[in-house]
Amino acid sequence: EAGHGALDVLVLNAGGPAPGRITAIDDQGWQDAFELLL
């Protein structure tokens, strides 16, 4: 905001986490994906 003025538009586009089936993802994989996506 200081360098470019009011923030009017925010596009939130996070890269995808590693592919994998739900029982194959370990705790760290879920934590990393949680931080990245949500």
Full PDB file with SEQRES, HELIX, SHEET, SSBOND, CRYST1, ORIGX, SCALE, CONECT and MASTER records, all heavy atoms in Angstrom:
SEQRES   1 A   38  GLU ALA GLY HIS GLY ALA LEU ASP VAL LEU VAL LEU ASN          
SEQRES   2 A   38  ALA GLY GLY PRO ALA PRO GLY ARG ILE THR ALA ILE ASP          
SEQRES   3 A   38  ASP GLN GLY TRP GLN ASP ALA PHE GLU LEU LEU LEU              
HELIX    1 AA1 ILE A   22  ALA A   24  5                                   3    
HELIX    2 AA2 ASP A   27  LEU A   37  1                                  11    
CRYST1    1.000    1.000    1.000  90.00  90.00  90.00 P 1           1          
ORIGX1      1.000000  0.000000  0.000000        0.00000                         
ORIGX2      0.000000  1.000000  0.000000        0.00000                         
ORIGX3      0.000000  0.000000  1.000000        0.00000                         
SCALE1      1.000000  0.000000  0.000000        0.00000                         
SCALE2      0.000000  1.000000  0.000000        0.00000                         
SCALE3      0.000000  0.000000  1.000000        0.00000                         
ATOM      1  N   GLU A   1       0.824  -1.213   0.000  1.00  0.00           N  
ATOM      2  CA  GLU A   1       0.000   0.000   0.000  1.00  0.00           C  
ATOM      3  C   GLU A   1       0.856   1.261   0.000  1.00  0.00           C  
ATOM      4  O   GLU A   1       0.498   2.262  -0.632  1.00  0.00           O  
ATOM      5  CB  GLU A   1      -0.948  -0.023   1.193  1.00  0.00           C  
ATOM      6  CG  GLU A   1      -1.985  -1.127   1.089  1.00  0.00           C  
ATOM      7  CD  GLU A   1      -3.114  -0.990   2.088  1.00  0.00           C  
ATOM      8  OE1 GLU A   1      -2.870  -0.473   3.197  1.00  0.00           O  
ATOM      9  OE2 GLU A   1      -4.240  -1.383   1.754  1.00  0.00           O  
ATOM     10  N   ALA A   2       1.984   1.213   0.689  1.00  0.00           N  
ATOM     11  CA  ALA A   2       2.858   2.388   0.718  1.00  0.00           C  
ATOM     12  C   ALA A   2       3.477   2.658  -0.649  1.00  0.00           C  
ATOM     13  O   ALA A   2       3.632   3.808  -1.063  1.00  0.00           O  
ATOM     14  CB  ALA A   2       3.954   2.193   1.768  1.00  0.00           C  
ATOM     15  N   GLY A   3       3.801   1.593  -1.377  1.00  0.00           N  
ATOM     16  CA  GLY A   3       4.466   1.770  -2.662  1.00  0.00           C  
ATOM     17  C   GLY A   3       3.544   1.855  -3.847  1.00  0.00           C  
ATOM     18  O   GLY A   3       3.930   2.398  -4.890  1.00  0.00           O  
ATOM     19  N   HIS A   4       2.325   1.341  -3.709  1.00  0.00           N  
ATOM     20  CA  HIS A   4       1.448   1.228  -4.879  1.00  0.00           C  
ATOM     21  C   HIS A   4       0.036   1.741  -4.648  1.00  0.00           C  
ATOM     22  O   HIS A   4      -0.801   1.641  -5.546  1.00  0.00           O  
ATOM     23  CB  HIS A   4       1.390  -0.236  -5.332  1.00  0.00           C  
ATOM     24  CG  HIS A   4       2.731  -0.807  -5.676  1.00  0.00           C  
ATOM     25  ND1 HIS A   4       3.322  -0.655  -6.914  1.00  0.00           N  
ATOM     26  CD2 HIS A   4       3.617  -1.504  -4.925  1.00  0.00           C  
ATOM     27  CE1 HIS A   4       4.503  -1.244  -6.919  1.00  0.00           C  
ATOM     28  NE2 HIS A   4       4.704  -1.769  -5.718  1.00  0.00           N  
ATOM     29  N   GLY A   5      -0.259   2.249  -3.486  1.00  0.00           N  
ATOM     30  CA  GLY A   5      -1.592   2.764  -3.215  1.00  0.00           C  
ATOM     31  C   GLY A   5      -2.498   1.709  -2.614  1.00  0.00           C  
ATOM     32  O   GLY A   5      -2.066   0.626  -2.228  1.00  0.00           O  
ATOM     33  N   ALA A   6      -3.776   2.035  -2.545  1.00  0.00           N  
ATOM     34  CA  ALA A   6      -4.758   1.169  -1.893  1.00  0.00           C  
ATOM     35  C   ALA A   6      -4.795  -0.212  -2.532  1.00  0.00           C  
ATOM     36  O   ALA A   6      -4.695  -0.361  -3.755  1.00  0.00           O  
ATOM     37  CB  ALA A   6      -6.142   1.811  -1.972  1.00  0.00           C  
ATOM     38  N   LEU A   7      -4.946  -1.221  -1.693  1.00  0.00           N  
ATOM     39  CA  LEU A   7      -5.057  -2.597  -2.163  1.00  0.00           C  
ATOM     40  C   LEU A   7      -6.528  -2.868  -2.475  1.00  0.00           C  
ATOM     41  O   LEU A   7      -7.337  -3.120  -1.586  1.00  0.00           O  
ATOM     42  CB  LEU A   7      -4.546  -3.559  -1.086  1.00  0.00           C  
ATOM     43  CG  LEU A   7      -4.593  -5.055  -1.407  1.00  0.00           C  
ATOM     44  CD1 LEU A   7      -3.772  -5.369  -2.653  1.00  0.00           C  
ATOM     45  CD2 LEU A   7      -4.096  -5.861  -0.220  1.00  0.00           C  
ATOM     46  N   ASP A   8      -6.864  -2.816  -3.761  1.00  0.00           N  
ATOM     47  CA  ASP A   8      -8.253  -2.991  -4.183  1.00  0.00           C  
ATOM     48  C   ASP A   8      -8.587  -4.427  -4.556  1.00  0.00           C  
ATOM     49  O   ASP A   8      -9.737  -4.856  -4.437  1.00  0.00           O  
ATOM     50  CB  ASP A   8      -8.559  -2.091  -5.387  1.00  0.00           C  
ATOM     51  CG  ASP A   8      -8.516  -0.617  -5.026  1.00  0.00           C  
ATOM     52  OD1 ASP A   8      -8.934  -0.272  -3.906  1.00  0.00           O  
ATOM     53  OD2 ASP A   8      -8.055   0.176  -5.854  1.00  0.00           O  
ATOM     54  N   VAL A   9      -7.598  -5.155  -5.068  1.00  0.00           N  
ATOM     55  CA  VAL A   9      -7.825  -6.515  -5.553  1.00  0.00           C  
ATOM     56  C   VAL A   9      -6.774  -7.439  -4.953  1.00  0.00           C  
ATOM     57  O   VAL A   9      -5.578  -7.142  -5.010  1.00  0.00           O  
ATOM     58  CB  VAL A   9      -7.755  -6.584  -7.094  1.00  0.00           C  
ATOM     59  CG1 VAL A   9      -7.932  -8.024  -7.576  1.00  0.00           C  
ATOM     60  CG2 VAL A   9      -8.809  -5.680  -7.729  1.00  0.00           C  
ATOM     61  N   LEU A  10      -7.225  -8.546  -4.388  1.00  0.00           N  
ATOM     62  CA  LEU A  10      -6.327  -9.553  -3.837  1.00  0.00           C  
ATOM     63  C   LEU A  10      -6.663 -10.899  -4.473  1.00  0.00           C  
ATOM     64  O   LEU A  10      -7.766 -11.410  -4.316  1.00  0.00           O  
ATOM     65  CB  LEU A  10      -6.488  -9.640  -2.316  1.00  0.00           C  
ATOM     66  CG  LEU A  10      -5.650 -10.706  -1.592  1.00  0.00           C  
ATOM     67  CD1 LEU A  10      -4.158 -10.430  -1.744  1.00  0.00           C  
ATOM     68  CD2 LEU A  10      -6.045 -10.765  -0.114  1.00  0.00           C  
ATOM     69  N   VAL A  11      -5.709 -11.454  -5.212  1.00  0.00           N  
ATOM     70  CA  VAL A  11      -5.878 -12.767  -5.832  1.00  0.00           C  
ATOM     71  C   VAL A  11      -4.988 -13.748  -5.078  1.00  0.00           C  
ATOM     72  O   VAL A  11      -3.774 -13.562  -5.005  1.00  0.00           O  
ATOM     73  CB  VAL A  11      -5.499 -12.745  -7.328  1.00  0.00           C  
ATOM     74  CG1 VAL A  11      -5.675 -14.134  -7.943  1.00  0.00           C  
ATOM     75  CG2 VAL A  11      -6.358 -11.731  -8.078  1.00  0.00           C  
ATOM     76  N   LEU A  12      -5.599 -14.776  -4.523  1.00  0.00           N  
ATOM     77  CA  LEU A  12      -4.893 -15.737  -3.686  1.00  0.00           C  
ATOM     78  C   LEU A  12      -4.785 -17.050  -4.447  1.00  0.00           C  
ATOM     79  O   LEU A  12      -5.756 -17.798  -4.581  1.00  0.00           O  
ATOM     80  CB  LEU A  12      -5.644 -15.919  -2.364  1.00  0.00           C  
ATOM     81  CG  LEU A  12      -5.693 -14.621  -1.534  1.00  0.00           C  
ATOM     82  CD1 LEU A  12      -6.827 -14.652  -0.534  1.00  0.00           C  
ATOM     83  CD2 LEU A  12      -4.366 -14.389  -0.841  1.00  0.00           C  
ATOM     84  N   ASN A  13      -3.600 -17.294  -4.975  1.00  0.00           N  
ATOM     85  CA  ASN A  13      -3.375 -18.438  -5.858  1.00  0.00           C  
ATOM     86  C   ASN A  13      -2.143 -19.194  -5.370  1.00  0.00           C  
ATOM     87  O   ASN A  13      -1.018 -18.821  -5.673  1.00  0.00           O  
ATOM     88  CB  ASN A  13      -3.180 -17.973  -7.299  1.00  0.00           C  
ATOM     89  CG  ASN A  13      -2.993 -19.137  -8.255  1.00  0.00           C  
ATOM     90  OD1 ASN A  13      -3.435 -20.246  -7.991  1.00  0.00           O  
ATOM     91  ND2 ASN A  13      -2.328 -18.882  -9.372  1.00  0.00           N  
ATOM     92  N   ALA A  14      -2.356 -20.237  -4.580  1.00  0.00           N  
ATOM     93  CA  ALA A  14      -1.245 -21.024  -4.045  1.00  0.00           C  
ATOM     94  C   ALA A  14      -0.988 -22.229  -4.936  1.00  0.00           C  
ATOM     95  O   ALA A  14      -1.911 -22.826  -5.480  1.00  0.00           O  
ATOM     96  CB  ALA A  14      -1.574 -21.497  -2.626  1.00  0.00           C  
ATOM     97  N   GLY A  15       0.265 -22.597  -5.089  1.00  0.00           N  
ATOM     98  CA  GLY A  15       0.607 -23.781  -5.861  1.00  0.00           C  
ATOM     99  C   GLY A  15       0.053 -25.034  -5.220  1.00  0.00           C  
ATOM    100  O   GLY A  15      -0.223 -25.070  -4.018  1.00  0.00           O  
ATOM    101  N   GLY A  16      -0.095 -26.068  -6.007  1.00  0.00           N  
ATOM    102  CA  GLY A  16      -0.684 -27.302  -5.487  1.00  0.00           C  
ATOM    103  C   GLY A  16       0.306 -28.108  -4.657  1.00  0.00           C  
ATOM    104  O   GLY A  16       1.502 -28.127  -4.936  1.00  0.00           O  
ATOM    105  N   PRO A  17      -0.187 -28.806  -3.633  1.00  0.00           N  
ATOM    106  CA  PRO A  17       0.669 -29.701  -2.849  1.00  0.00           C  
ATOM    107  C   PRO A  17       0.992 -30.960  -3.641  1.00  0.00           C  
ATOM    108  O   PRO A  17       0.426 -31.215  -4.703  1.00  0.00           O  
ATOM    109  CB  PRO A  17      -0.196 -30.020  -1.625  1.00  0.00           C  
ATOM    110  CG  PRO A  17      -1.592 -29.924  -2.146  1.00  0.00           C  
ATOM    111  CD  PRO A  17      -1.575 -28.824  -3.176  1.00  0.00           C  
ATOM    112  N   ALA A  18       1.888 -31.759  -3.109  1.00  0.00           N  
ATOM    113  CA  ALA A  18       2.258 -33.000  -3.794  1.00  0.00           C  
ATOM    114  C   ALA A  18       1.036 -33.895  -3.959  1.00  0.00           C  
ATOM    115  O   ALA A  18       0.214 -34.019  -3.048  1.00  0.00           O  
ATOM    116  CB  ALA A  18       3.326 -33.724  -2.992  1.00  0.00           C  
ATOM    117  N   PRO A  19       0.887 -34.533  -5.122  1.00  0.00           N  
ATOM    118  CA  PRO A  19      -0.215 -35.475  -5.303  1.00  0.00           C  
ATOM    119  C   PRO A  19      -0.094 -36.639  -4.324  1.00  0.00           C  
ATOM    120  O   PRO A  19       1.001 -36.983  -3.865  1.00  0.00           O  
ATOM    121  CB  PRO A  19      -0.031 -35.957  -6.750  1.00  0.00           C  
ATOM    122  CG  PRO A  19       0.787 -34.905  -7.418  1.00  0.00           C  
ATOM    123  CD  PRO A  19       1.703 -34.392  -6.343  1.00  0.00           C  
ATOM    124  N   GLY A  20      -1.223 -37.257  -4.002  1.00  0.00           N  
ATOM    125  CA  GLY A  20      -1.205 -38.412  -3.107  1.00  0.00           C  
ATOM    126  C   GLY A  20      -2.607 -38.735  -2.637  1.00  0.00           C  
ATOM    127  O   GLY A  20      -3.470 -37.852  -2.556  1.00  0.00           O  
ATOM    128  N   ARG A  21      -2.839 -40.001  -2.341  1.00  0.00           N  
ATOM    129  CA  ARG A  21      -4.133 -40.422  -1.820  1.00  0.00           C  
ATOM    130  C   ARG A  21      -4.222 -40.106  -0.332  1.00  0.00           C  
ATOM    131  O   ARG A  21      -3.199 -39.930   0.348  1.00  0.00           O  
ATOM    132  CB  ARG A  21      -4.348 -41.908  -2.092  1.00  0.00           C  
ATOM    133  CG  ARG A  21      -4.344 -42.229  -3.594  1.00  0.00           C  
ATOM    134  CD  ARG A  21      -4.575 -43.706  -3.851  1.00  0.00           C  
ATOM    135  NE  ARG A  21      -5.980 -44.036  -3.685  1.00  0.00           N  
ATOM    136  CZ  ARG A  21      -6.894 -43.970  -4.658  1.00  0.00           C  
ATOM    137  NH1 ARG A  21      -6.554 -43.546  -5.865  1.00  0.00           N  
ATOM    138  NH2 ARG A  21      -8.151 -44.302  -4.425  1.00  0.00           N  
ATOM    139  N   ILE A  22      -5.434 -40.040   0.197  1.00  0.00           N  
ATOM    140  CA  ILE A  22      -5.642 -39.481   1.527  1.00  0.00           C  
ATOM    141  C   ILE A  22      -4.920 -40.255   2.626  1.00  0.00           C  
ATOM    142  O   ILE A  22      -4.401 -39.662   3.573  1.00  0.00           O  
ATOM    143  CB  ILE A  22      -7.158 -39.348   1.819  1.00  0.00           C  
ATOM    144  CG1 ILE A  22      -7.376 -38.483   3.051  1.00  0.00           C  
ATOM    145  CG2 ILE A  22      -7.821 -40.716   1.954  1.00  0.00           C  
ATOM    146  CD1 ILE A  22      -8.786 -37.960   3.179  1.00  0.00           C  
ATOM    147  N   THR A  23      -4.820 -41.578   2.525  1.00  0.00           N  
ATOM    148  CA  THR A  23      -4.143 -42.342   3.571  1.00  0.00           C  
ATOM    149  C   THR A  23      -2.629 -42.400   3.385  1.00  0.00           C  
ATOM    150  O   THR A  23      -1.922 -42.923   4.245  1.00  0.00           O  
ATOM    151  CB  THR A  23      -4.694 -43.776   3.632  1.00  0.00           C  
ATOM    152  OG1 THR A  23      -4.560 -44.385   2.339  1.00  0.00           O  
ATOM    153  CG2 THR A  23      -6.160 -43.781   4.057  1.00  0.00           C  
ATOM    154  N   ALA A  24      -2.140 -41.854   2.275  1.00  0.00           N  
ATOM    155  CA  ALA A  24      -0.699 -41.883   2.014  1.00  0.00           C  
ATOM    156  C   ALA A  24       0.006 -40.603   2.460  1.00  0.00           C  
ATOM    157  O   ALA A  24       1.232 -40.531   2.429  1.00  0.00           O  
ATOM    158  CB  ALA A  24      -0.452 -42.117   0.523  1.00  0.00           C  
ATOM    159  N   ILE A  25      -0.756 -39.612   2.866  1.00  0.00           N  
ATOM    160  CA  ILE A  25      -0.166 -38.326   3.264  1.00  0.00           C  
ATOM    161  C   ILE A  25       0.126 -38.367   4.757  1.00  0.00           C  
ATOM    162  O   ILE A  25      -0.774 -38.624   5.573  1.00  0.00           O  
ATOM    163  CB  ILE A  25      -1.121 -37.167   2.934  1.00  0.00           C  
ATOM    164  CG1 ILE A  25      -1.469 -37.171   1.441  1.00  0.00           C  
ATOM    165  CG2 ILE A  25      -0.504 -35.829   3.334  1.00  0.00           C  
ATOM    166  CD1 ILE A  25      -2.586 -36.225   1.071  1.00  0.00           C  
ATOM    167  N   ASP A  26       1.384 -38.093   5.122  1.00  0.00           N  
ATOM    168  CA  ASP A  26       1.734 -38.120   6.540  1.00  0.00           C  
ATOM    169  C   ASP A  26       1.431 -36.773   7.196  1.00  0.00           C  
ATOM    170  O   ASP A  26       0.986 -35.821   6.532  1.00  0.00           O  
ATOM    171  CB  ASP A  26       3.201 -38.513   6.739  1.00  0.00           C  
ATOM    172  CG  ASP A  26       4.183 -37.543   6.086  1.00  0.00           C  
ATOM    173  OD1 ASP A  26       3.794 -36.395   5.758  1.00  0.00           O  
ATOM    174  OD2 ASP A  26       5.353 -37.931   5.908  1.00  0.00           O  
ATOM    175  N   ASP A  27       1.679 -36.700   8.506  1.00  0.00           N  
ATOM    176  CA  ASP A  27       1.333 -35.489   9.253  1.00  0.00           C  
ATOM    177  C   ASP A  27       2.041 -34.256   8.698  1.00  0.00           C  
ATOM    178  O   ASP A  27       1.438 -33.184   8.592  1.00  0.00           O  
ATOM    179  CB  ASP A  27       1.700 -35.657  10.734  1.00  0.00           C  
ATOM    180  CG  ASP A  27       0.748 -36.585  11.462  1.00  0.00           C  
ATOM    181  OD1 ASP A  27      -0.236 -37.029  10.842  1.00  0.00           O  
ATOM    182  OD2 ASP A  27       0.986 -36.854  12.656  1.00  0.00           O  
ATOM    183  N   GLN A  28       3.314 -34.405   8.347  1.00  0.00           N  
ATOM    184  CA  GLN A  28       4.048 -33.260   7.828  1.00  0.00           C  
ATOM    185  C   GLN A  28       3.495 -32.814   6.483  1.00  0.00           C  
ATOM    186  O   GLN A  28       3.427 -31.619   6.188  1.00  0.00           O  
ATOM    187  CB  GLN A  28       5.537 -33.579   7.703  1.00  0.00           C  
ATOM    188  CG  GLN A  28       6.399 -32.352   7.393  1.00  0.00           C  
ATOM    189  CD  GLN A  28       6.267 -31.276   8.439  1.00  0.00           C  
ATOM    190  OE1 GLN A  28       6.455 -31.547   9.627  1.00  0.00           O  
ATOM    191  NE2 GLN A  28       5.949 -30.054   8.035  1.00  0.00           N  
ATOM    192  N   GLY A  29       3.087 -33.783   5.664  1.00  0.00           N  
ATOM    193  CA  GLY A  29       2.489 -33.435   4.378  1.00  0.00           C  
ATOM    194  C   GLY A  29       1.210 -32.642   4.549  1.00  0.00           C  
ATOM    195  O   GLY A  29       0.966 -31.661   3.838  1.00  0.00           O  
ATOM    196  N   TRP A  30       0.386 -33.055   5.515  1.00  0.00           N  
ATOM    197  CA  TRP A  30      -0.845 -32.308   5.789  1.00  0.00           C  
ATOM    198  C   TRP A  30      -0.522 -30.912   6.321  1.00  0.00           C  
ATOM    199  O   TRP A  30      -1.164 -29.928   5.939  1.00  0.00           O  
ATOM    200  CB  TRP A  30      -1.714 -33.058   6.795  1.00  0.00           C  
ATOM    201  CG  TRP A  30      -2.486 -34.187   6.207  1.00  0.00           C  
ATOM    202  CD1 TRP A  30      -2.308 -35.522   6.448  1.00  0.00           C  
ATOM    203  CD2 TRP A  30      -3.552 -34.101   5.244  1.00  0.00           C  
ATOM    204  NE1 TRP A  30      -3.198 -36.260   5.706  1.00  0.00           N  
ATOM    205  CE2 TRP A  30      -3.971 -35.424   4.970  1.00  0.00           C  
ATOM    206  CE3 TRP A  30      -4.185 -33.041   4.606  1.00  0.00           C  
ATOM    207  CZ2 TRP A  30      -5.006 -35.707   4.075  1.00  0.00           C  
ATOM    208  CZ3 TRP A  30      -5.222 -33.315   3.716  1.00  0.00           C  
ATOM    209  CH2 TRP A  30      -5.619 -34.634   3.456  1.00  0.00           C  
ATOM    210  N   GLN A  31       0.465 -30.832   7.212  1.00  0.00           N  
ATOM    211  CA  GLN A  31       0.808 -29.535   7.785  1.00  0.00           C  
ATOM    212  C   GLN A  31       1.325 -28.580   6.716  1.00  0.00           C  
ATOM    213  O   GLN A  31       0.959 -27.399   6.678  1.00  0.00           O  
ATOM    214  CB  GLN A  31       1.864 -29.703   8.887  1.00  0.00           C  
ATOM    215  CG  GLN A  31       2.117 -28.445   9.702  1.00  0.00           C  
ATOM    216  CD  GLN A  31       0.880 -27.954  10.432  1.00  0.00           C  
ATOM    217  OE1 GLN A  31       0.195 -28.729  11.088  1.00  0.00           O  
ATOM    218  NE2 GLN A  31       0.577 -26.679  10.313  1.00  0.00           N  
ATOM    219  N   ASP A  32       2.187 -29.089   5.837  1.00  0.00           N  
ATOM    220  CA  ASP A  32       2.718 -28.245   4.756  1.00  0.00           C  
ATOM    221  C   ASP A  32       1.592 -27.770   3.836  1.00  0.00           C  
ATOM    222  O   ASP A  32       1.559 -26.604   3.420  1.00  0.00           O  
ATOM    223  CB  ASP A  32       3.750 -29.031   3.941  1.00  0.00           C  
ATOM    224  CG  ASP A  32       5.028 -29.311   4.724  1.00  0.00           C  
ATOM    225  OD1 ASP A  32       5.248 -28.655   5.774  1.00  0.00           O  
ATOM    226  OD2 ASP A  32       5.804 -30.175   4.288  1.00  0.00           O  
ATOM    227  N   ALA A  33       0.679 -28.681   3.504  1.00  0.00           N  
ATOM    228  CA  ALA A  33      -0.432 -28.317   2.622  1.00  0.00           C  
ATOM    229  C   ALA A  33      -1.367 -27.322   3.299  1.00  0.00           C  
ATOM    230  O   ALA A  33      -1.900 -26.399   2.662  1.00  0.00           O  
ATOM    231  CB  ALA A  33      -1.192 -29.570   2.202  1.00  0.00           C  
ATOM    232  N   PHE A  34      -1.581 -27.502   4.599  1.00  0.00           N  
ATOM    233  CA  PHE A  34      -2.423 -26.579   5.367  1.00  0.00           C  
ATOM    234  C   PHE A  34      -1.852 -25.161   5.342  1.00  0.00           C  
ATOM    235  O   PHE A  34      -2.566 -24.177   5.122  1.00  0.00           O  
ATOM    236  CB  PHE A  34      -2.533 -27.098   6.801  1.00  0.00           C  
ATOM    237  CG  PHE A  34      -3.237 -26.164   7.754  1.00  0.00           C  
ATOM    238  CD1 PHE A  34      -4.602 -25.975   7.688  1.00  0.00           C  
ATOM    239  CD2 PHE A  34      -2.516 -25.471   8.727  1.00  0.00           C  
ATOM    240  CE1 PHE A  34      -5.249 -25.117   8.576  1.00  0.00           C  
ATOM    241  CE2 PHE A  34      -3.158 -24.618   9.605  1.00  0.00           C  
ATOM    242  CZ  PHE A  34      -4.521 -24.435   9.532  1.00  0.00           C  
ATOM    243  N   GLU A  35      -0.551 -25.051   5.540  1.00  0.00           N  
ATOM    244  CA  GLU A  35       0.110 -23.748   5.522  1.00  0.00           C  
ATOM    245  C   GLU A  35       0.023 -23.114   4.144  1.00  0.00           C  
ATOM    246  O   GLU A  35      -0.246 -21.920   4.000  1.00  0.00           O  
ATOM    247  CB  GLU A  35       1.567 -23.915   5.940  1.00  0.00           C  
ATOM    248  CG  GLU A  35       2.380 -22.634   5.917  1.00  0.00           C  
ATOM    249  CD  GLU A  35       2.019 -21.678   7.042  1.00  0.00           C  
ATOM    250  OE1 GLU A  35       1.625 -22.157   8.125  1.00  0.00           O  
ATOM    251  OE2 GLU A  35       2.129 -20.452   6.833  1.00  0.00           O  
ATOM    252  N   LEU A  36       0.254 -23.924   3.116  1.00  0.00           N  
ATOM    253  CA  LEU A  36       0.269 -23.417   1.743  1.00  0.00           C  
ATOM    254  C   LEU A  36      -1.115 -23.008   1.252  1.00  0.00           C  
ATOM    255  O   LEU A  36      -1.292 -21.910   0.711  1.00  0.00           O  
ATOM    256  CB  LEU A  36       0.836 -24.503   0.824  1.00  0.00           C  
ATOM    257  CG  LEU A  36       0.781 -24.232  -0.687  1.00  0.00           C  
ATOM    258  CD1 LEU A  36       1.703 -23.074  -1.060  1.00  0.00           C  
ATOM    259  CD2 LEU A  36       1.151 -25.487  -1.471  1.00  0.00           C  
ATOM    260  N   LEU A  37      -2.092 -23.882   1.425  1.00  0.00           N  
ATOM    261  CA  LEU A  37      -3.389 -23.690   0.775  1.00  0.00           C  
ATOM    262  C   LEU A  37      -4.394 -22.904   1.598  1.00  0.00           C  
ATOM    263  O   LEU A  37      -5.250 -22.219   1.039  1.00  0.00           O  
ATOM    264  CB  LEU A  37      -3.997 -25.051   0.429  1.00  0.00           C  
ATOM    265  CG  LEU A  37      -3.247 -25.899  -0.590  1.00  0.00           C  
ATOM    266  CD1 LEU A  37      -3.989 -27.203  -0.822  1.00  0.00           C  
ATOM    267  CD2 LEU A  37      -3.064 -25.154  -1.898  1.00  0.00           C  
ATOM    268  N   LEU A  38      -4.332 -23.021   2.921  1.00  0.00           N  
ATOM    269  CA  LEU A  38      -5.376 -22.416   3.749  1.00  0.00           C  
ATOM    270  C   LEU A  38      -4.855 -21.298   4.640  1.00  0.00           C  
ATOM    271  O   LEU A  38      -5.329 -20.168   4.559  1.00  0.00           O  
ATOM    272  CB  LEU A  38      -6.055 -23.491   4.600  1.00  0.00           C  
ATOM    273  CG  LEU A  38      -7.208 -23.024   5.491  1.00  0.00           C  
ATOM    274  CD1 LEU A  38      -8.334 -22.422   4.651  1.00  0.00           C  
ATOM    275  CD2 LEU A  38      -7.737 -24.181   6.332  1.00  0.00           C  
TER     276      LEU A  38                                                      
MASTER        0    0    0    2    0    0    0    6  275    1    0    3          
END                                                                             
